[in-house]
């Protein structure tokens, strides 16, 4: 049964047992009689559903762990990490952001996460490492890169490089991961300019940065100078207690976490507050 499958998945993982009950089994198949009885109601509601579906909306999720430090996406799943608990949480990108799997890594403290080329990458500034995880049941670490000179607070791959936010100096750095030496190689400092740089995301054309002190999100050209092209602010519905700690995106939606609020939000770009002119808030 679905419940039994969920129990087996939890038992075979290395997640902390107290969080296993938060795993939600898949729903039972809809029976034919129930389906037929519901068909008319669904048909009547179809028009209203269509209108709701095409209208972008802000979604908020309270997560069953205390510190959603960072988030990453691959298009199908959202990963979150908890720096204090040393865990990685895999969520379905469904209406409930269903918690699918948890893996616990004793002795590691994850401050940043990003998805790239079929693998999940995390940063552990306490252990001074960047880890590459396989996408399997336990998110096995198959590569480690020494990162002794930086305290990675955010990271994103773009155009063959790894861009990171150094939480120690509050600077953005262009880097690469060297497979031969298994080290993070810093190439140069980037002129992004944020009060407290908390997140980075590359959408395929632009690099985006998140500033937790102001709750700003900036769009940068990939022109070498990383010129700020646009600046947005979190919507007021996020609340005064919401401060960005993790940042990623999918299409025209931002996925933003807040340790302080204990929440993850999905915010369409159209719902962000655009600030003009961009040059005044660099």
Protein backbone atom coordinates (compact mmCIF):
# COMPACT_ATOMS: atom_id res chain seq x y z
CA UNK A 1 0.00 0.00 0.00
CA UNK A 2 1.00 3.65 -0.29
CA UNK A 3 1.24 3.96 3.49
CA UNK A 4 3.50 0.91 3.71
CA UNK A 5 5.69 2.25 0.91
CA UNK A 6 6.06 5.50 2.81
CA UNK A 7 7.02 3.68 6.01
CA UNK A 8 9.63 1.64 4.15
CA UNK A 9 11.06 4.76 2.52
CA UNK A 10 11.40 6.45 5.90
CA UNK A 11 12.96 3.38 7.50
CA UNK A 12 15.53 3.01 4.71
CA UNK A 13 16.55 6.67 4.78
CA UNK A 14 18.99 8.30 7.17
CA UNK A 15 16.50 10.96 8.19
CA UNK A 16 15.83 11.77 11.79
CA UNK A 17 12.98 9.47 12.92
CA UNK A 18 10.95 12.22 14.57
CA UNK A 19 10.23 13.75 11.15
CA UNK A 20 9.11 10.52 9.44
CA UNK A 21 5.45 11.10 10.32
CA UNK A 22 5.50 14.25 8.15
CA UNK A 23 5.93 12.11 5.05
CA UNK A 24 2.65 12.00 3.20
CA UNK A 25 1.75 8.83 1.25
CA UNK A 26 0.33 9.15 -2.22
CA UNK A 27 -3.45 9.24 -2.50
CA UNK A 28 -5.44 6.11 -3.33
CA UNK A 29 -6.76 5.85 -6.90
CA UNK A 30 -10.14 7.52 -7.45
CA UNK A 31 -12.89 4.90 -7.64
CA UNK A 32 -15.07 4.82 -10.73
CA UNK A 33 -18.31 5.59 -8.86
CA UNK A 34 -16.84 8.59 -7.10
CA UNK A 35 -15.41 9.84 -10.37
CA UNK A 36 -18.76 9.62 -12.18
CA UNK A 37 -20.59 11.32 -9.32
CA UNK A 38 -18.07 14.16 -9.35
CA UNK A 39 -17.90 14.69 -13.11
CA UNK A 40 -20.78 17.16 -13.34
CA UNK A 41 -19.47 19.29 -10.49
CA UNK A 42 -16.04 19.34 -12.07
CA UNK A 43 -17.49 20.40 -15.41
CA UNK A 44 -19.39 23.28 -13.80
CA UNK A 45 -16.27 24.40 -11.96
CA UNK A 46 -13.98 24.11 -14.97
CA UNK A 47 -14.37 27.71 -16.05
CA UNK A 48 -13.61 29.04 -12.57
CA UNK A 49 -10.66 26.70 -12.23
CA UNK A 50 -9.26 27.88 -15.56
CA UNK A 51 -9.41 31.49 -14.44
CA UNK A 52 -7.66 30.66 -11.19
CA UNK A 53 -5.03 28.56 -12.94
CA UNK A 54 -3.97 31.27 -15.37
CA UNK A 55 -3.77 33.98 -12.71
CA UNK A 56 -0.36 34.01 -10.99
CA UNK A 57 -0.65 33.91 -7.23
CA UNK A 58 1.59 34.01 -4.18
CA UNK A 59 1.82 30.72 -2.29
CA UNK A 60 3.04 30.31 1.28
CA UNK A 61 4.14 27.12 2.99
CA UNK A 62 4.97 26.50 6.63
CA UNK A 63 7.56 23.73 6.75
CA UNK A 64 7.89 21.02 9.45
CA UNK A 65 11.48 21.93 10.31
CA UNK A 66 12.74 25.06 12.07
CA UNK A 67 15.24 26.66 9.70
CA UNK A 68 14.68 26.58 5.92
CA UNK A 69 18.14 28.04 5.29
CA UNK A 70 18.44 27.57 1.54
CA UNK A 71 16.39 26.28 -1.39
CA UNK A 72 17.17 24.78 -4.80
CA UNK A 73 15.04 23.49 -7.68
CA UNK A 74 15.40 21.16 -10.63
CA UNK A 75 11.95 21.76 -12.14
CA UNK A 76 10.36 18.72 -10.50
CA UNK A 77 11.43 18.98 -6.86
CA UNK A 78 12.41 21.64 -4.36
CA UNK A 79 15.26 20.94 -1.98
CA UNK A 80 15.71 22.82 1.27
CA UNK A 81 18.51 22.55 3.78
CA UNK A 82 18.69 23.34 7.47
CA UNK A 83 22.11 24.57 8.58
CA UNK A 84 21.50 23.74 12.22
CA UNK A 85 19.96 20.30 11.72
CA UNK A 86 22.38 19.16 9.01
CA UNK A 87 19.55 17.85 6.86
CA UNK A 88 18.34 18.00 3.27
CA UNK A 89 14.59 17.98 2.60
CA UNK A 90 13.10 17.05 -0.77
CA UNK A 91 9.64 18.48 -1.53
CA UNK A 92 7.20 17.79 -4.32
CA UNK A 93 6.32 20.92 -6.28
CA UNK A 94 2.61 20.36 -5.67
CA UNK A 95 -0.12 22.45 -4.07
CA UNK A 96 0.99 21.43 -0.56
CA UNK A 97 4.77 21.39 -1.15
CA UNK A 98 4.61 17.81 0.11
CA UNK A 99 7.68 16.62 2.00
CA UNK A 100 8.88 13.56 0.08
CA UNK A 101 12.19 12.57 1.63
CA UNK A 102 14.65 13.70 4.31
CA UNK A 103 18.34 12.84 4.61
CA UNK A 104 20.38 13.71 7.67
CA UNK A 105 24.15 14.34 7.56
CA UNK A 106 25.70 14.33 11.06
CA UNK A 107 28.52 16.81 11.44
CA UNK A 108 27.59 18.87 8.37
CA UNK A 109 26.00 22.31 8.41
CA UNK A 110 24.50 23.33 5.08
CA UNK A 111 24.30 27.06 4.37
CA UNK A 112 23.60 27.00 0.63
CA UNK A 113 22.25 24.70 -2.07
CA UNK A 114 21.92 24.68 -5.84
CA UNK A 115 21.02 22.16 -8.54
CA UNK A 116 23.23 21.67 -11.58
CA UNK A 117 23.66 19.06 -14.29
CA UNK A 118 21.78 16.27 -12.54
CA UNK A 119 23.26 16.77 -9.08
CA UNK A 120 22.55 18.74 -5.93
CA UNK A 121 25.36 20.88 -4.51
CA UNK A 122 25.52 22.06 -0.91
CA UNK A 123 27.97 24.25 0.98
CA UNK A 124 29.24 23.66 4.51
CA UNK A 125 31.21 26.72 5.67
CA UNK A 126 31.95 25.11 9.03
CA UNK A 127 33.52 22.10 7.34
CA UNK A 128 34.93 24.40 4.63
CA UNK A 129 33.60 22.24 1.83
CA UNK A 130 31.26 22.22 -1.14
CA UNK A 131 29.55 18.86 -1.61
CA UNK A 132 28.07 17.24 -4.69
CA UNK A 133 25.15 14.91 -3.93
CA UNK A 134 23.76 12.17 -6.12
CA UNK A 135 20.00 12.27 -6.60
CA UNK A 136 19.21 8.98 -4.88
CA UNK A 137 17.36 7.88 -1.75
CA UNK A 138 20.00 9.23 0.64
CA UNK A 139 21.49 12.08 -1.47
CA UNK A 140 24.92 10.46 -1.25
CA UNK A 141 27.91 12.81 -1.29
CA UNK A 142 30.08 11.61 -4.18
CA UNK A 143 32.45 14.59 -4.43
CA UNK A 144 33.83 17.14 -1.98
CA UNK A 145 35.66 20.34 -2.84
CA UNK A 146 37.76 22.24 -0.32
CA UNK A 147 36.54 25.82 0.17
CA UNK A 148 38.82 27.01 2.94
CA UNK A 149 39.03 30.70 2.01
CA UNK A 150 35.32 31.51 1.82
CA UNK A 151 32.15 31.09 3.87
CA UNK A 152 29.59 30.19 1.21
CA UNK A 153 26.18 31.69 1.98
CA UNK A 154 24.61 31.22 -1.47
CA UNK A 155 25.63 29.77 -4.81
CA UNK A 156 24.47 29.25 -8.39
CA UNK A 157 25.96 27.81 -11.56
CA UNK A 158 25.89 30.02 -14.66
CA UNK A 159 27.71 29.96 -17.98
CA UNK A 160 30.22 27.33 -16.88
CA UNK A 161 31.10 29.09 -13.62
CA UNK A 162 30.01 28.79 -10.01
CA UNK A 163 28.95 32.10 -8.49
CA UNK A 164 28.96 32.29 -4.72
CA UNK A 165 28.16 34.76 -1.96
CA UNK A 166 30.87 34.93 0.69
CA UNK A 167 29.01 35.48 3.97
CA UNK A 168 32.21 36.42 5.75
CA UNK A 169 32.98 39.43 3.54
CA UNK A 170 29.50 39.92 1.99
CA UNK A 171 30.97 39.80 -1.50
CA UNK A 172 30.02 37.85 -4.62
CA UNK A 173 32.71 35.74 -6.25
CA UNK A 174 33.10 34.08 -9.63
CA UNK A 175 34.62 30.63 -9.12
CA UNK A 176 35.08 27.20 -10.60
CA UNK A 177 35.22 23.74 -9.08
CA UNK A 178 38.47 22.02 -9.99
CA UNK A 179 38.00 18.24 -10.25
CA UNK A 180 41.72 17.49 -10.27
CA UNK A 181 42.61 19.28 -7.03
CA UNK A 182 39.08 18.99 -5.60
CA UNK A 183 39.20 22.65 -4.64
CA UNK A 184 37.07 25.74 -5.14
CA UNK A 185 39.10 28.16 -7.25
CA UNK A 186 38.19 31.84 -6.83
CA UNK A 187 38.61 33.72 -10.11
CA UNK A 188 37.47 37.22 -9.23
CA UNK A 189 35.20 39.37 -7.10
CA UNK A 190 31.92 40.46 -8.69
CA UNK A 191 30.46 43.98 -8.36
CA UNK A 192 26.96 42.92 -7.29
CA UNK A 193 26.64 45.17 -4.24
CA UNK A 194 24.08 44.00 -1.69
CA UNK A 195 23.70 44.89 1.96
CA UNK A 196 23.42 41.21 2.94
CA UNK A 197 23.72 38.83 0.01
CA UNK A 198 21.51 35.82 0.75
CA UNK A 199 20.75 34.16 -2.58
CA UNK A 200 21.81 33.68 -6.20
CA UNK A 201 19.97 32.14 -9.15
CA UNK A 202 20.66 31.96 -12.89
CA UNK A 203 17.59 31.80 -15.13
CA UNK A 204 19.47 30.96 -18.33
CA UNK A 205 19.91 34.60 -19.34
CA UNK A 206 20.27 36.73 -16.20
CA UNK A 207 21.87 36.28 -12.80
CA UNK A 208 19.56 37.17 -9.92
CA UNK A 209 20.72 38.11 -6.42
CA UNK A 210 18.71 38.36 -3.19
CA UNK A 211 19.44 40.86 -0.41
CA UNK A 212 18.07 39.79 2.97
CA UNK A 213 18.61 43.14 4.70
CA UNK A 214 16.28 44.96 2.31
CA UNK A 215 14.29 42.00 0.94
CA UNK A 216 15.38 43.13 -2.52
CA UNK A 217 15.90 40.93 -5.58
CA UNK A 218 18.16 42.28 -8.33
CA UNK A 219 18.46 41.19 -11.95
CA UNK A 220 21.99 41.40 -13.34
CA UNK A 221 23.19 41.32 -16.93
CA UNK A 222 25.78 38.66 -17.70
CA UNK A 223 28.02 41.34 -19.21
CA UNK A 224 31.11 40.95 -17.05
CA UNK A 225 30.16 43.97 -14.97
CA UNK A 226 26.93 42.34 -13.76
CA UNK A 227 25.06 45.61 -14.25
CA UNK A 228 21.79 45.87 -12.34
CA UNK A 229 18.97 45.92 -14.88
CA UNK A 230 16.00 45.77 -12.51
CA UNK A 231 15.27 45.71 -8.78
CA UNK A 232 12.25 44.18 -7.06
CA UNK A 233 11.04 44.07 -3.48
CA UNK A 234 9.14 41.33 -1.66
CA UNK A 235 5.35 41.92 -1.55
CA UNK A 236 3.89 43.26 1.68
CA UNK A 237 1.96 40.01 2.18
CA UNK A 238 5.25 38.35 3.15
CA UNK A 239 5.04 40.21 6.47
CA UNK A 240 7.60 42.17 8.48
CA UNK A 241 9.02 38.99 9.98
CA UNK A 242 10.02 37.57 6.58
CA UNK A 243 13.70 37.99 5.72
CA UNK A 244 15.18 36.19 2.74
CA UNK A 245 17.56 33.37 3.64
CA UNK A 246 17.25 31.17 0.55
CA UNK A 247 16.44 32.01 -3.07
CA UNK A 248 15.88 30.07 -6.30
CA UNK A 249 13.57 30.21 -9.27
CA UNK A 250 11.56 28.32 -11.84
CA UNK A 251 10.37 30.11 -14.95
CA UNK A 252 8.86 33.39 -13.80
CA UNK A 253 8.36 32.26 -10.20
CA UNK A 254 10.75 32.88 -7.33
CA UNK A 255 11.02 30.36 -4.50
CA UNK A 256 12.15 32.14 -1.36
CA UNK A 257 12.76 30.81 2.14
CA UNK A 258 12.99 32.64 5.45
CA UNK A 259 14.62 31.18 8.54
CA UNK A 260 13.10 33.90 10.69
CA UNK A 261 9.55 33.25 9.50
CA UNK A 262 9.96 29.46 9.14
CA UNK A 263 8.29 29.60 5.73
CA UNK A 264 8.89 29.06 2.04
CA UNK A 265 7.08 31.28 -0.47
CA UNK A 266 6.48 30.96 -4.19
CA UNK A 267 6.21 34.49 -5.59
CA UNK A 268 5.52 35.21 -9.28
CA UNK A 269 7.67 37.99 -10.70
CA UNK A 270 4.45 39.88 -11.50
CA UNK A 271 3.66 40.01 -7.76
CA UNK A 272 7.01 41.49 -6.78
CA UNK A 273 7.19 45.25 -6.29
CA UNK A 274 9.39 46.85 -8.95
CA UNK A 275 11.57 49.68 -7.72
CA UNK A 276 12.55 52.56 -9.98
CA UNK A 277 15.11 53.61 -10.86
CA UNK A 278 17.28 50.54 -10.36
CA UNK A 279 20.47 52.61 -10.12
CA UNK A 280 19.37 54.24 -6.85
CA UNK A 281 19.22 50.98 -4.92
CA UNK A 282 22.37 49.18 -6.03
